[in-house]
Structures are given as C-alpha cells and as structure tokens.
Amino acid sequence: MSENLLINITPQETRVALIFQGAVQELHIERTLSRGLVGNIYLGKVVRVLPGMQSAFIDIGLERAAFLHVADIWDARSQEAGTNVLTPIEKLLYDGQSVTVQVVKDPIGTKGARLSTQISIAGRMLVYLPQDSHIGISQRIENEAEREALRNKVKALQQPEEKGGFIVRTMAEDASDLDLKSDVEYLRRTWATITQLAKTRPPSSLLHQDLNLAQRVLRDFVNEETDSIQVDSRENHLMLTEFGKTYTPSVLPKLQHYTGERPLFDLYGVEEEIERALGRRVNLKSGGYLIIDQTEAMTTIDVNTGSFVAGRNFDDTIFKTNLEAAHAIARQLRLRNLGGIIILDIIDMENEEHKTAVLAELNKALSRDRTKLSVSGFSALGLVEVTRKRTRESLAHVLCETCPACSGKGQVKTARTICYEILRELLREAKQFNPREFRIMASQVVVDMFLEEESQHLAMLGDFIGKPISLQVENVFHQEQYDIILM
C-alpha cells in the first residue's frame, strides 16, 4: 500500500495531509503567526523555583512562563546515576539563573510550555544528544543483527573526545555510511552554533528553531511506503528542492509540483474531511457510528451499532461493529490529533474471544501512529483506556474557538425558557421603577414566541403591572440575549 503526502502552502499557513488507502489519515496545520514551539531551544531565565512542587517557572520570552519539572533536568538524573533519587530542584536552580532549555510540549489552553534541559536535535537519520554518550536504536527496527550493525556504524562516527550520543531513527535502516556521516556533521554544526549563541545572547533568547512544517515533512514523514509528495506552491517547491538536495537527497524523486486547476486539497477531498473531523459524529460504513466528545481532562469515544443489523445474531453484529470501530478510532485519533487520556466506550461483549480480537485489532490499527501511546485492557465497566502523548493542540483547538452563544456548553436555552426569564425580569423591574412603557429587545425567535404561543402570558403580565409592553427584534442578538428598556 502506498501513501501520498499533500502540502498546501499559502502565506498565512501550511497544511499537510497524509493519504493512505484512499482516505485522509493525518492532518497537520502550521500557521505563520503561531508556529509550534516543540524542538525550539532557548536560553531561559529562571523566574521562580518551587521546592514544594519540585518545579520551576522559566522565562523564554513567551506570554506565559514555561514549566520545568525536576525529572526533566538532566543534571538531576546524571548526578544520581544508578538510583531513582533525584537531586532536589532547589540545589540545581536559583532565581535569575540562565539555563539552556528545549520545549517538549507546546502551550496548551492555560498551561505554559513544558521544558527539558536534556537537549535533542533531530536530523533525518539520527537524533543528536549532546549531553549523553548513549547510542539508542529505534524500536521500529526489530531485526537484532541490523540493530547491532547500525549501532557499530554510528559508534565508528563518534569522536574519541566527544560526549554526545545518538538515537538512530527508522529512516537510517537502509542508510549508507555517507548518509550517516553527513547527518552527524550537520547535527554537530548545529549544536556548535547553539552553544556559541548561548554565550553571547541575552536571557530569554531563541537559540535554535526547529524546521518549518513543510521541511519536517521531508525529514520525518517520508518512508518506503511514500509514493509522492505534492506541493501546490512553485516557490516553496523550489525551496524544498534546495533543502532536499542538502539534507534529504533520497526524497527528491518523490517531490512534485502540483499544477492542476482544482485546489490540491479539493482534488483529494481533504477539505470535506476537515469539516467532518470537527463534528461529534463519525459514521461507519456498516451503519454504526462514533460519538466523540473532547473535554479539558479527557476525550471520550462512544461506539454505537446504529442501523447495522448484519451478522447471524446480535452478538455477531456487535462484534463486527466493534472491529470496524477499532480502525475508525485509530484514524480519528491521528486525524484530530487527540491526546491525553482517551476513554473508549466499546459496545459490551459477553464473548471473551470477541473482546480479545477487538483489542488486538485496535492495537494493530494504532501501530501506524507516529505518536507514543498505550492501550489498557477492558475495565470492569467494559471501557478501554488509551493514553496518547499530547505535544500540540488538537485540530479542533487549532481551527475553532469557544462558541460565543453557549460559552462552550454545547447547548443554549430554549426560546420558551428565555421568554419566562424575561417575564420574571419584567416583574422585578415593575416593582422598582414606574416607566411609561416597557420595551423588550430580543432575538427574532424569542419575539415570535411572545407573539404566538406566549402572547397570553405576556398580556396577563401587562394587565397585572398596568403598563404597556412592546416588542422589538434585535437581529444581532443570539437566542439567549435580551434587554428590557424603560420608556
């Protein structure tokens, strides 16, 4: 099975879609005004050390101070090698201290960026660890003989006096010695530049910024299954070609400039997929469906059979729905970039073999995910808990904001409820003031309710307070908004 990468670039944003088996599997969006910070390296300034929380707030030049926990401080672990005891943070940091830090998690919601002092710089084949001499191999490279051969190749490239180590990425599986050497030299040059800037720049300065999204596609996303990378901008295609010549020459034959008349994302149905990815309901081909609700603490996904009635019996129908849902859930996690705690409410199954098969299918479907995750078994309530590393905002948080009408509740009061609120408010106002007339300003739907179904109640109140009550439609008001004017 081949996959295609689509890169849509405009001055304001870059969007990337990964197409696999004819469907959109991943969406990545980076806006010019709010580029992600993960991977950026800063010369931070310690604002406050919190011994009680074993944490510190670090100023890296952002609106909110970033957060550094003692477990993410390299010196805290290296000084206590071989033990589980961490050096207290108050012995490592003090207010006003300058410290080189790297962002490992973007600011999300009200939380500041998460930092680490263990620096890692990603290349195409390798990840450089300047403070660690260890050589690690990607878990996706499973052949033990191949793992050992790669470890020996990288060891041979290490300099005797060099402290830094490397993590060998999956891309290095078929890499030549020259490819590895080029990557090592690029990473060393980058680190040398960073250390030099740290000596000359003032605190809260940016020392190194990770590649932009289009460049990261060439570095991180392309693999042996990738058939093509289509870019719809001539200028950026030329820029990516130059970047590829230097850092990813093997990718260049797959890089194409899309010149079709139809917009690239329209041609592959990506725009429609983005709209569907913002909705609660996801329909399954069989007739079943998922309901996805994203909250501050967690995301819940509920599986329903809907109109699906295939199978020899009801248990068979449930089993088949759950199997299809497993693949749909895995795709939605990637597509919507859902992270943190995810609770799956799989349809209850009595058969233990069916439970085992559904769990195995879910794990298989999730194995394509680039993001680290873990899956628990079925709980006593029949729920499955998934944790997926959250390093950036979900698709909904990038593209949407809280609804001004419902303030994030997801529902608004009915027109009848608002009518009754207005009637109670009118009664309160009549007891305090003595105007010539009361005028109700409200939305069209509320005024219509007063003119029709609630006209009798409005007339009764007018007789009771002894004042005329008039109605005025205010088109800019949403359903819950109203005002009472004393005339």
Protein backbone atom coordinates (compact mmCIF):
# COMPACT_ATOMS: atom_id res chain seq x y z
CA MET A 1 0.00 0.00 0.00
CA SER A 2 1.41 3.40 -0.99
CA GLU A 3 0.76 6.72 0.69
CA ASN A 4 0.73 10.25 -0.67
CA LEU A 5 1.67 13.47 1.08
CA LEU A 6 -0.10 16.69 0.07
CA ILE A 7 1.40 20.06 1.02
CA ASN A 8 -0.86 23.11 0.66
CA ILE A 9 1.05 26.36 1.26
CA THR A 10 -0.29 29.91 1.49
CA PRO A 11 1.37 32.98 3.04
CA GLN A 12 -0.69 32.57 6.20
CA GLU A 13 -0.46 28.82 6.79
CA THR A 14 0.92 25.45 5.71
CA ARG A 15 -1.32 22.38 5.70
CA VAL A 16 -0.19 18.78 5.22
CA ALA A 17 -2.45 15.78 4.59
CA LEU A 18 -1.34 12.16 4.52
CA ILE A 19 -3.44 9.98 2.21
CA PHE A 20 -3.34 6.20 2.76
CA GLN A 21 -5.69 3.62 1.27
CA GLY A 22 -7.61 6.44 -0.41
CA ALA A 23 -8.51 8.18 2.88
CA VAL A 24 -7.02 11.09 4.83
CA GLN A 25 -5.13 9.61 7.77
CA GLU A 26 -3.31 12.63 9.22
CA LEU A 27 -3.69 16.39 9.12
CA HIS A 28 -1.03 18.88 10.20
CA ILE A 29 -1.54 22.65 10.24
CA GLU A 30 1.06 25.30 10.99
CA ARG A 31 0.12 28.96 10.92
CA THR A 32 2.68 31.67 10.23
CA LEU A 33 1.60 33.72 13.26
CA SER A 34 1.62 30.78 15.68
CA ARG A 35 4.25 28.22 14.71
CA GLY A 36 4.63 25.30 17.11
CA LEU A 37 7.45 25.57 19.65
CA VAL A 38 8.30 21.88 20.19
CA GLY A 39 12.00 21.34 19.47
CA ASN A 40 12.93 25.02 19.88
CA ILE A 41 15.93 25.69 22.12
CA TYR A 42 16.07 28.83 24.31
CA LEU A 43 18.40 30.49 26.76
CA GLY A 44 15.86 30.67 29.56
CA LYS A 45 15.88 32.70 32.76
CA VAL A 46 14.65 31.13 36.00
CA VAL A 47 11.75 33.26 37.25
CA ARG A 48 10.76 31.21 40.28
CA VAL A 49 11.81 27.92 41.90
CA LEU A 50 9.02 25.97 43.66
CA PRO A 51 10.59 23.39 46.03
CA GLY A 52 7.17 22.14 47.13
CA MET A 53 6.30 21.14 43.55
CA GLN A 54 9.92 20.34 42.62
CA SER A 55 9.41 22.60 39.61
CA ALA A 56 10.46 25.98 38.26
CA PHE A 57 8.97 28.64 36.01
CA ILE A 58 11.31 29.72 33.22
CA ASP A 59 11.03 32.89 31.11
CA ILE A 60 11.77 32.05 27.47
CA GLY A 61 10.28 35.21 26.01
CA LEU A 62 6.69 33.98 25.65
CA GLU A 63 3.46 35.47 27.02
CA ARG A 64 3.37 32.84 29.81
CA ALA A 65 6.35 31.48 31.72
CA ALA A 66 7.25 27.91 30.76
CA PHE A 67 7.30 24.98 33.20
CA LEU A 68 10.31 22.81 34.12
CA HIS A 69 9.99 19.78 36.42
CA VAL A 70 12.97 18.30 38.27
CA ALA A 71 12.51 14.99 36.37
CA ASP A 72 13.23 16.90 33.13
CA ILE A 73 16.52 18.35 34.41
CA TRP A 74 19.46 16.38 33.03
CA ASP A 75 21.78 17.19 35.95
CA ALA A 76 19.23 15.87 38.46
CA ARG A 77 19.50 12.39 36.95
CA SER A 78 23.15 12.30 35.99
CA GLN A 79 24.30 13.21 39.49
CA GLU A 80 22.37 10.31 40.97
CA ALA A 81 23.22 7.72 38.29
CA GLY A 82 22.07 4.22 39.08
CA THR A 83 19.44 5.32 41.60
CA ASN A 84 15.86 6.52 41.47
CA VAL A 85 16.63 9.53 43.68
CA LEU A 86 16.57 12.95 42.01
CA THR A 87 18.62 15.89 43.23
CA PRO A 88 16.21 18.48 44.75
CA ILE A 89 15.48 21.27 42.29
CA GLU A 90 16.48 23.98 44.79
CA LYS A 91 20.04 22.61 44.68
CA LEU A 92 20.15 22.83 40.88
CA LEU A 93 18.42 26.12 40.07
CA TYR A 94 18.09 29.59 41.61
CA ASP A 95 16.06 32.67 40.69
CA GLY A 96 17.66 34.70 37.91
CA GLN A 97 19.84 31.84 36.66
CA SER A 98 20.33 31.38 32.90
CA VAL A 99 19.73 27.84 31.64
CA THR A 100 19.60 26.28 28.16
CA VAL A 101 16.23 24.55 27.72
CA GLN A 102 14.22 22.85 24.98
CA VAL A 103 10.44 22.89 24.51
CA VAL A 104 8.99 19.37 24.69
CA LYS A 105 5.31 20.37 24.79
CA ASP A 106 3.59 23.41 23.27
CA PRO A 107 1.49 25.75 25.47
CA ILE A 108 -1.98 24.18 25.59
CA GLY A 109 -5.01 26.02 26.93
CA THR A 110 -3.99 27.88 30.08
CA LYS A 111 -0.81 25.83 30.56
CA GLY A 112 2.59 27.20 29.59
CA ALA A 113 5.13 25.31 27.51
CA ARG A 114 6.80 22.24 29.09
CA LEU A 115 10.60 22.30 29.08
CA SER A 116 13.55 19.94 29.44
CA THR A 117 17.25 20.62 29.89
CA GLN A 118 18.12 17.39 28.06
CA ILE A 119 18.68 18.73 24.56
CA SER A 120 17.98 16.64 21.47
CA ILE A 121 18.44 17.81 17.88
CA ALA A 122 16.72 15.84 15.15
CA GLY A 123 18.32 15.09 11.82
CA ARG A 124 16.95 12.86 9.08
CA MET A 125 18.74 9.66 10.12
CA LEU A 126 19.78 10.45 13.68
CA VAL A 127 18.81 12.41 16.78
CA TYR A 128 21.80 14.03 18.49
CA LEU A 129 22.02 14.01 22.31
CA PRO A 130 24.84 16.46 23.19
CA GLN A 131 24.81 15.61 26.93
CA ASP A 132 24.60 11.81 26.64
CA SER A 133 27.10 9.35 25.15
CA HIS A 134 24.47 6.63 24.75
CA ILE A 135 23.59 5.19 21.32
CA GLY A 136 19.97 4.08 21.03
CA ILE A 137 18.13 2.36 18.19
CA SER A 138 14.52 3.00 17.15
CA GLN A 139 12.18 0.28 18.42
CA ARG A 140 10.66 0.07 14.95
CA ILE A 141 13.91 -1.53 13.73
CA GLU A 142 13.24 -5.02 15.04
CA ASN A 143 15.98 -7.16 13.45
CA GLU A 144 18.62 -7.62 16.17
CA ALA A 145 21.52 -8.11 13.75
CA GLU A 146 20.54 -4.92 11.91
CA ARG A 147 20.26 -3.02 15.20
CA GLU A 148 23.76 -4.07 16.20
CA ALA A 149 25.20 -3.21 12.77
CA LEU A 150 23.69 0.29 12.93
CA ARG A 151 24.99 0.78 16.47
CA ASN A 152 28.52 -0.12 15.33
CA LYS A 153 28.28 2.22 12.31
CA VAL A 154 27.33 5.18 14.48
CA LYS A 155 29.96 4.32 17.11
CA ALA A 156 32.59 4.46 14.40
CA LEU A 157 31.48 8.01 13.57
CA GLN A 158 31.80 9.20 17.18
CA GLN A 159 34.95 11.14 18.02
CA PRO A 160 37.02 9.87 20.98
CA GLU A 161 36.68 13.13 22.91
CA GLU A 162 33.01 13.59 22.02
CA LYS A 163 30.49 13.45 24.86
CA GLY A 164 27.37 13.42 22.70
CA GLY A 165 25.36 10.35 21.76
CA PHE A 166 22.76 9.48 19.13
CA ILE A 167 19.40 7.83 18.65
CA VAL A 168 19.19 6.01 15.32
CA ARG A 169 15.86 6.74 13.62
CA THR A 170 13.87 4.34 11.46
CA MET A 171 14.98 6.28 8.37
CA ALA A 172 18.55 5.03 8.96
CA GLU A 173 17.56 1.40 8.35
CA ASP A 174 18.81 1.44 4.75
CA ALA A 175 21.14 4.43 5.05
CA SER A 176 24.64 4.37 3.59
CA ASP A 177 27.73 5.25 5.62
CA LEU A 178 27.92 8.55 3.73
CA ASP A 179 24.31 9.43 4.65
CA LEU A 180 25.01 8.78 8.33
CA LYS A 181 28.25 10.75 8.24
CA SER A 182 26.53 13.74 6.60
CA ASP A 183 23.81 13.68 9.25
CA VAL A 184 26.36 13.53 12.08
CA GLU A 185 28.28 16.51 10.67
CA TYR A 186 25.09 18.58 10.24
CA LEU A 187 24.00 17.86 13.83
CA ARG A 188 27.42 18.73 15.27
CA ARG A 189 27.49 22.03 13.35
CA THR A 190 24.01 22.86 14.63
CA TRP A 191 24.98 22.17 18.25
CA ALA A 192 28.19 24.21 17.93
CA THR A 193 26.13 27.18 16.70
CA ILE A 194 23.69 26.80 19.61
CA THR A 195 26.45 26.70 22.26
CA GLN A 196 28.09 29.77 20.74
CA LEU A 197 24.82 31.73 20.72
CA ALA A 198 24.16 30.75 24.36
CA LYS A 199 27.38 32.59 25.32
CA THR A 200 26.51 35.81 23.51
CA ARG A 201 22.72 36.16 23.54
CA PRO A 202 20.78 37.72 26.46
CA PRO A 203 18.44 35.57 28.62
CA SER A 204 15.03 34.62 27.16
CA SER A 205 16.53 34.41 23.64
CA LEU A 206 15.74 31.83 20.97
CA LEU A 207 18.88 29.85 20.15
CA HIS A 208 17.51 27.31 17.67
CA GLN A 209 14.19 26.90 15.88
CA ASP A 210 13.03 23.58 14.53
CA LEU A 211 12.31 23.23 10.81
CA ASN A 212 9.00 24.51 9.47
CA LEU A 213 6.22 22.03 8.74
CA ALA A 214 6.99 21.63 5.01
CA GLN A 215 10.65 20.87 5.75
CA ARG A 216 9.72 18.44 8.53
CA VAL A 217 7.63 16.52 6.00
CA LEU A 218 10.79 15.73 4.02
CA ARG A 219 12.75 14.91 7.17
CA ASP A 220 10.21 12.97 9.25
CA PHE A 221 7.18 11.84 7.26
CA VAL A 222 8.63 10.18 4.17
CA ASN A 223 9.24 6.43 4.27
CA GLU A 224 9.47 3.47 1.89
CA GLU A 225 5.66 3.46 1.50
CA THR A 226 5.55 7.09 0.36
CA ASP A 227 4.66 7.27 -3.34
CA SER A 228 4.66 11.04 -3.86
CA ILE A 229 4.93 14.42 -2.13
CA GLN A 230 2.84 17.04 -3.94
CA VAL A 231 3.38 20.76 -3.27
CA ASP A 232 0.95 23.31 -4.71
CA SER A 233 3.32 26.30 -4.49
CA ARG A 234 6.03 26.77 -7.13
CA GLU A 235 8.17 28.98 -4.90
CA ASN A 236 8.04 26.55 -2.00
CA HIS A 237 8.62 23.56 -4.27
CA LEU A 238 11.90 25.17 -5.36
CA MET A 239 12.77 25.95 -1.73
CA LEU A 240 12.04 22.37 -0.63
CA THR A 241 14.07 21.04 -3.55
CA GLU A 242 17.08 23.04 -2.38
CA PHE A 243 16.52 21.85 1.19
CA GLY A 244 16.22 18.26 -0.04
CA LYS A 245 19.46 18.47 -2.01
CA THR A 246 21.31 19.30 1.19
CA TYR A 247 19.57 17.15 3.78
CA THR A 248 17.28 14.56 2.14
CA PRO A 249 18.55 13.78 -1.39
CA SER A 250 16.82 10.37 -1.48
CA VAL A 251 13.42 12.08 -1.19
CA LEU A 252 13.82 14.36 -4.24
CA PRO A 253 12.46 11.89 -6.87
CA LYS A 254 9.15 11.82 -4.94
CA LEU A 255 8.82 15.61 -4.68
CA GLN A 256 6.36 17.01 -7.25
CA HIS A 257 4.95 20.45 -8.06
CA TYR A 258 1.16 20.22 -8.38
CA THR A 259 -0.07 22.46 -11.22
CA GLY A 260 -3.69 21.30 -11.62
CA GLU A 261 -6.59 23.76 -11.89
CA ARG A 262 -8.52 22.31 -8.96
CA PRO A 263 -7.12 23.12 -5.49
CA LEU A 264 -4.97 20.22 -4.27
CA PHE A 265 -7.00 19.59 -1.10
CA ASP A 266 -10.27 19.68 -3.06
CA LEU A 267 -8.99 17.09 -5.52
CA TYR A 268 -8.40 14.56 -2.74
CA GLY A 269 -11.44 15.51 -0.63
CA VAL A 270 -9.34 16.86 2.24
CA GLU A 271 -11.47 19.98 2.81
CA GLU A 272 -14.58 17.84 3.37
CA GLU A 273 -12.61 15.58 5.69
CA ILE A 274 -11.53 18.57 7.79
CA GLU A 275 -15.18 19.61 8.19
CA ARG A 276 -16.15 16.08 9.24
CA ALA A 277 -13.23 15.95 11.70
CA LEU A 278 -14.71 18.93 13.56
CA GLY A 279 -18.04 17.17 14.17
CA ARG A 280 -19.08 14.93 17.07
CA ARG A 281 -20.46 12.10 14.98
CA VAL A 282 -18.41 9.80 12.75
CA ASN A 283 -20.43 7.42 10.58
CA LEU A 284 -19.11 3.92 9.93
CA LYS A 285 -19.62 2.19 6.58
CA SER A 286 -21.69 -0.56 8.19
CA GLY A 287 -24.28 1.87 9.58
CA GLY A 288 -22.80 2.16 13.07
CA TYR A 289 -21.27 5.39 14.31
CA LEU A 290 -18.91 7.01 16.84
CA ILE A 291 -19.66 9.97 19.11
CA ILE A 292 -16.50 11.90 20.04
CA ASP A 293 -16.54 14.43 22.89
CA GLN A 294 -13.41 16.37 23.76
CA THR A 295 -13.14 17.96 27.22
CA GLU A 296 -10.37 19.66 29.19
CA ALA A 297 -9.48 16.49 31.13
CA MET A 298 -10.06 13.74 28.57
CA THR A 299 -11.69 12.65 25.33
CA THR A 300 -14.50 10.08 25.24
CA ILE A 301 -15.43 7.99 22.20
CA ASP A 302 -18.72 6.11 22.28
CA VAL A 303 -19.37 3.27 19.80
CA ASN A 304 -22.95 2.62 18.65
CA THR A 305 -24.43 -0.01 16.30
CA GLY A 306 -26.87 2.46 14.72
CA SER A 307 -28.67 0.85 11.78
CA PHE A 308 -26.15 -2.01 11.42
CA VAL A 309 -28.04 -5.31 11.62
CA ALA A 310 -25.73 -7.69 9.73
CA GLY A 311 -24.49 -10.92 11.27
CA ARG A 312 -26.05 -14.18 12.32
CA ASN A 313 -27.14 -12.82 15.71
CA PHE A 314 -26.95 -9.72 17.89
CA ASP A 315 -23.57 -10.71 19.39
CA ASP A 316 -22.15 -11.08 15.88
CA THR A 317 -23.48 -7.63 14.92
CA ILE A 318 -21.85 -6.03 17.98
CA PHE A 319 -18.55 -7.83 17.30
CA LYS A 320 -18.40 -6.64 13.68
CA THR A 321 -19.31 -3.07 14.66
CA ASN A 322 -16.55 -3.00 17.29
CA LEU A 323 -13.97 -4.34 14.80
CA GLU A 324 -14.83 -1.61 12.30
CA ALA A 325 -14.87 0.99 15.08
CA ALA A 326 -11.32 -0.01 16.14
CA HIS A 327 -9.94 1.14 12.77
CA ALA A 328 -12.11 4.27 12.71
CA ILE A 329 -10.99 5.23 16.24
CA ALA A 330 -7.30 4.86 15.37
CA ARG A 331 -7.79 7.06 12.29
CA GLN A 332 -9.72 9.73 14.21
CA LEU A 333 -7.01 9.96 16.89
CA ARG A 334 -4.45 10.78 14.19
CA LEU A 335 -6.77 12.95 12.11
CA ARG A 336 -7.95 15.10 15.04
CA ASN A 337 -4.62 14.84 16.91
CA LEU A 338 -6.38 13.83 20.11
CA GLY A 339 -4.04 13.47 23.07
CA GLY A 340 -4.02 12.84 26.82
CA ILE A 341 -6.50 10.36 28.30
CA ILE A 342 -8.95 8.85 25.80
CA ILE A 343 -11.78 6.63 27.07
CA LEU A 344 -13.34 4.22 24.57
CA ASP A 345 -16.87 3.05 25.35
CA ILE A 346 -16.82 -0.10 23.21
CA ILE A 347 -20.20 -1.87 22.86
CA ASP A 348 -20.44 -4.54 25.60
CA MET A 349 -19.44 -8.05 24.52
CA GLU A 350 -20.03 -11.22 26.54
CA ASN A 351 -17.69 -13.40 24.48
CA GLU A 352 -14.09 -13.19 25.79
CA GLU A 353 -12.70 -14.23 22.40
CA HIS A 354 -14.51 -11.30 20.81
CA LYS A 355 -13.02 -8.92 23.41
CA THR A 356 -9.50 -10.23 22.75
CA ALA A 357 -9.98 -9.93 18.97
CA VAL A 358 -11.26 -6.32 19.19
CA LEU A 359 -8.39 -5.30 21.46
CA ALA A 360 -5.88 -6.92 19.07
CA GLU A 361 -7.47 -5.13 16.10
CA LEU A 362 -7.30 -1.81 17.96
CA ASN A 363 -3.61 -2.29 18.75
CA LYS A 364 -2.92 -3.23 15.15
CA ALA A 365 -4.73 -0.13 13.86
CA LEU A 366 -2.86 2.10 16.33
CA SER A 367 0.55 0.68 15.34
CA ARG A 368 0.74 3.15 12.40
CA ASP A 369 0.59 6.11 14.78
CA ARG A 370 3.78 8.21 14.93
CA THR A 371 2.85 9.45 18.40
CA LYS A 372 3.64 7.43 21.53
CA LEU A 373 0.57 5.79 23.06
CA SER A 374 -0.50 2.94 25.31
CA VAL A 375 -3.69 0.86 25.46
CA SER A 376 -5.13 -0.82 28.55
CA GLY A 377 -7.38 -3.87 28.50
CA PHE A 378 -11.12 -3.79 29.16
CA SER A 379 -12.04 -2.40 32.58
CA ALA A 380 -14.74 -3.85 34.83
CA LEU A 381 -17.16 -1.39 33.19
CA GLY A 382 -16.20 -2.50 29.69
CA LEU A 383 -14.18 0.66 28.93
CA VAL A 384 -10.79 0.80 27.21
CA GLU A 385 -8.34 3.49 28.28
CA VAL A 386 -5.85 4.89 25.77
CA THR A 387 -3.16 7.44 26.59
CA ARG A 388 -1.66 9.33 23.64
CA LYS A 389 1.20 11.78 24.06
CA ARG A 390 -0.01 15.35 23.61
CA THR A 391 2.66 17.69 22.24
CA ARG A 392 0.46 20.18 20.36
CA GLU A 393 -3.12 21.40 20.20
CA SER A 394 -5.82 19.18 18.71
CA LEU A 395 -7.29 20.01 15.29
CA ALA A 396 -10.45 21.43 16.91
CA HIS A 397 -8.43 23.73 19.18
CA VAL A 398 -6.36 24.98 16.23
CA LEU A 399 -9.33 25.70 13.96
CA CYS A 400 -12.12 26.58 16.40
CA GLU A 401 -12.86 28.75 19.43
CA THR A 402 -15.46 28.65 22.18
CA CYS A 403 -18.96 29.40 20.90
CA PRO A 404 -19.98 32.94 22.00
CA ALA A 405 -23.65 31.91 22.17
CA CYS A 406 -23.31 28.91 24.50
CA SER A 407 -19.86 29.71 26.05
CA GLY A 408 -18.68 26.18 25.39
CA LYS A 409 -21.65 24.36 26.94
CA GLY A 410 -22.68 22.95 23.60
CA GLN A 411 -26.32 23.94 24.11
CA VAL A 412 -28.46 27.07 24.53
CA LYS A 413 -31.62 27.75 26.48
CA THR A 414 -34.85 27.32 24.53
CA ALA A 415 -36.81 30.33 23.30
CA ARG A 416 -39.58 29.48 25.81
CA THR A 417 -37.06 29.46 28.71
CA ILE A 418 -35.85 32.92 27.65
CA CYS A 419 -39.45 34.16 27.45
CA TYR A 420 -40.09 33.10 31.03
CA GLU A 421 -36.81 34.73 32.17
CA ILE A 422 -37.94 37.99 30.53
CA LEU A 423 -41.36 37.81 32.21
CA ARG A 424 -39.73 37.39 35.65
CA GLU A 425 -37.32 40.26 34.92
CA LEU A 426 -40.23 42.50 33.83
CA LEU A 427 -41.99 41.81 37.13
CA ARG A 428 -38.86 42.74 39.11
CA GLU A 429 -38.40 45.96 37.09
CA ALA A 430 -42.08 46.95 37.54
CA LYS A 431 -41.72 46.73 41.35
CA GLN A 432 -38.71 49.09 41.34
CA PHE A 433 -39.50 51.60 38.58
CA ASN A 434 -42.52 53.42 37.17
CA PRO A 435 -41.85 53.98 33.45
CA ARG A 436 -44.44 54.90 30.84
CA GLU A 437 -43.78 51.67 28.91
CA PHE A 438 -41.56 48.56 28.93
CA ARG A 439 -39.86 47.56 25.67
CA ILE A 440 -38.44 44.03 25.21
CA MET A 441 -35.48 43.77 22.81
CA ALA A 442 -34.75 40.14 21.87
CA SER A 443 -33.87 37.80 19.01
CA GLN A 444 -36.38 37.02 16.27
CA VAL A 445 -37.19 33.55 17.64
CA VAL A 446 -37.97 34.89 21.15
CA VAL A 447 -40.13 37.73 19.81
CA ASP A 448 -42.02 35.22 17.62
CA MET A 449 -42.63 33.05 20.69
CA PHE A 450 -44.11 36.08 22.54
CA LEU A 451 -46.34 36.94 19.57
CA GLU A 452 -47.66 33.42 19.22
CA GLU A 453 -47.52 30.73 21.94
CA GLU A 454 -46.67 33.04 24.86
CA SER A 455 -48.88 36.01 23.85
CA GLN A 456 -51.44 35.24 26.56
CA HIS A 457 -48.83 35.19 29.35
CA LEU A 458 -47.35 38.46 28.10
CA ALA A 459 -50.79 40.10 28.02
CA MET A 460 -51.60 38.85 31.52
CA LEU A 461 -48.38 40.37 32.89
CA GLY A 462 -49.11 43.67 31.14
CA ASP A 463 -52.54 43.82 32.80
CA PHE A 464 -51.01 42.90 36.18
CA ILE A 465 -48.34 45.64 36.19
CA GLY A 466 -50.64 48.15 34.47
CA LYS A 467 -48.10 49.18 31.85
CA PRO A 468 -47.93 48.57 28.09
CA ILE A 469 -45.25 46.11 26.91
CA SER A 470 -43.86 46.40 23.37
CA LEU A 471 -41.58 44.05 21.41
CA GLN A 472 -38.59 44.85 19.21
CA VAL A 473 -36.48 42.37 17.19
CA GLU A 474 -32.72 42.83 17.56
CA ASN A 475 -31.08 40.85 14.78
CA VAL A 476 -27.59 40.94 16.30
CA PHE A 477 -28.81 39.20 19.48
CA HIS A 478 -28.40 35.43 19.75
CA GLN A 479 -31.17 33.36 21.32
CA GLU A 480 -30.14 33.88 24.97
CA GLN A 481 -29.60 37.65 24.67
CA TYR A 482 -32.28 40.18 25.57
CA ASP A 483 -32.68 43.65 27.06
CA ILE A 484 -35.57 45.48 28.75
CA ILE A 485 -35.78 49.22 28.03
CA LEU A 486 -37.68 51.58 30.34
CA MET A 487 -39.52 54.11 28.12
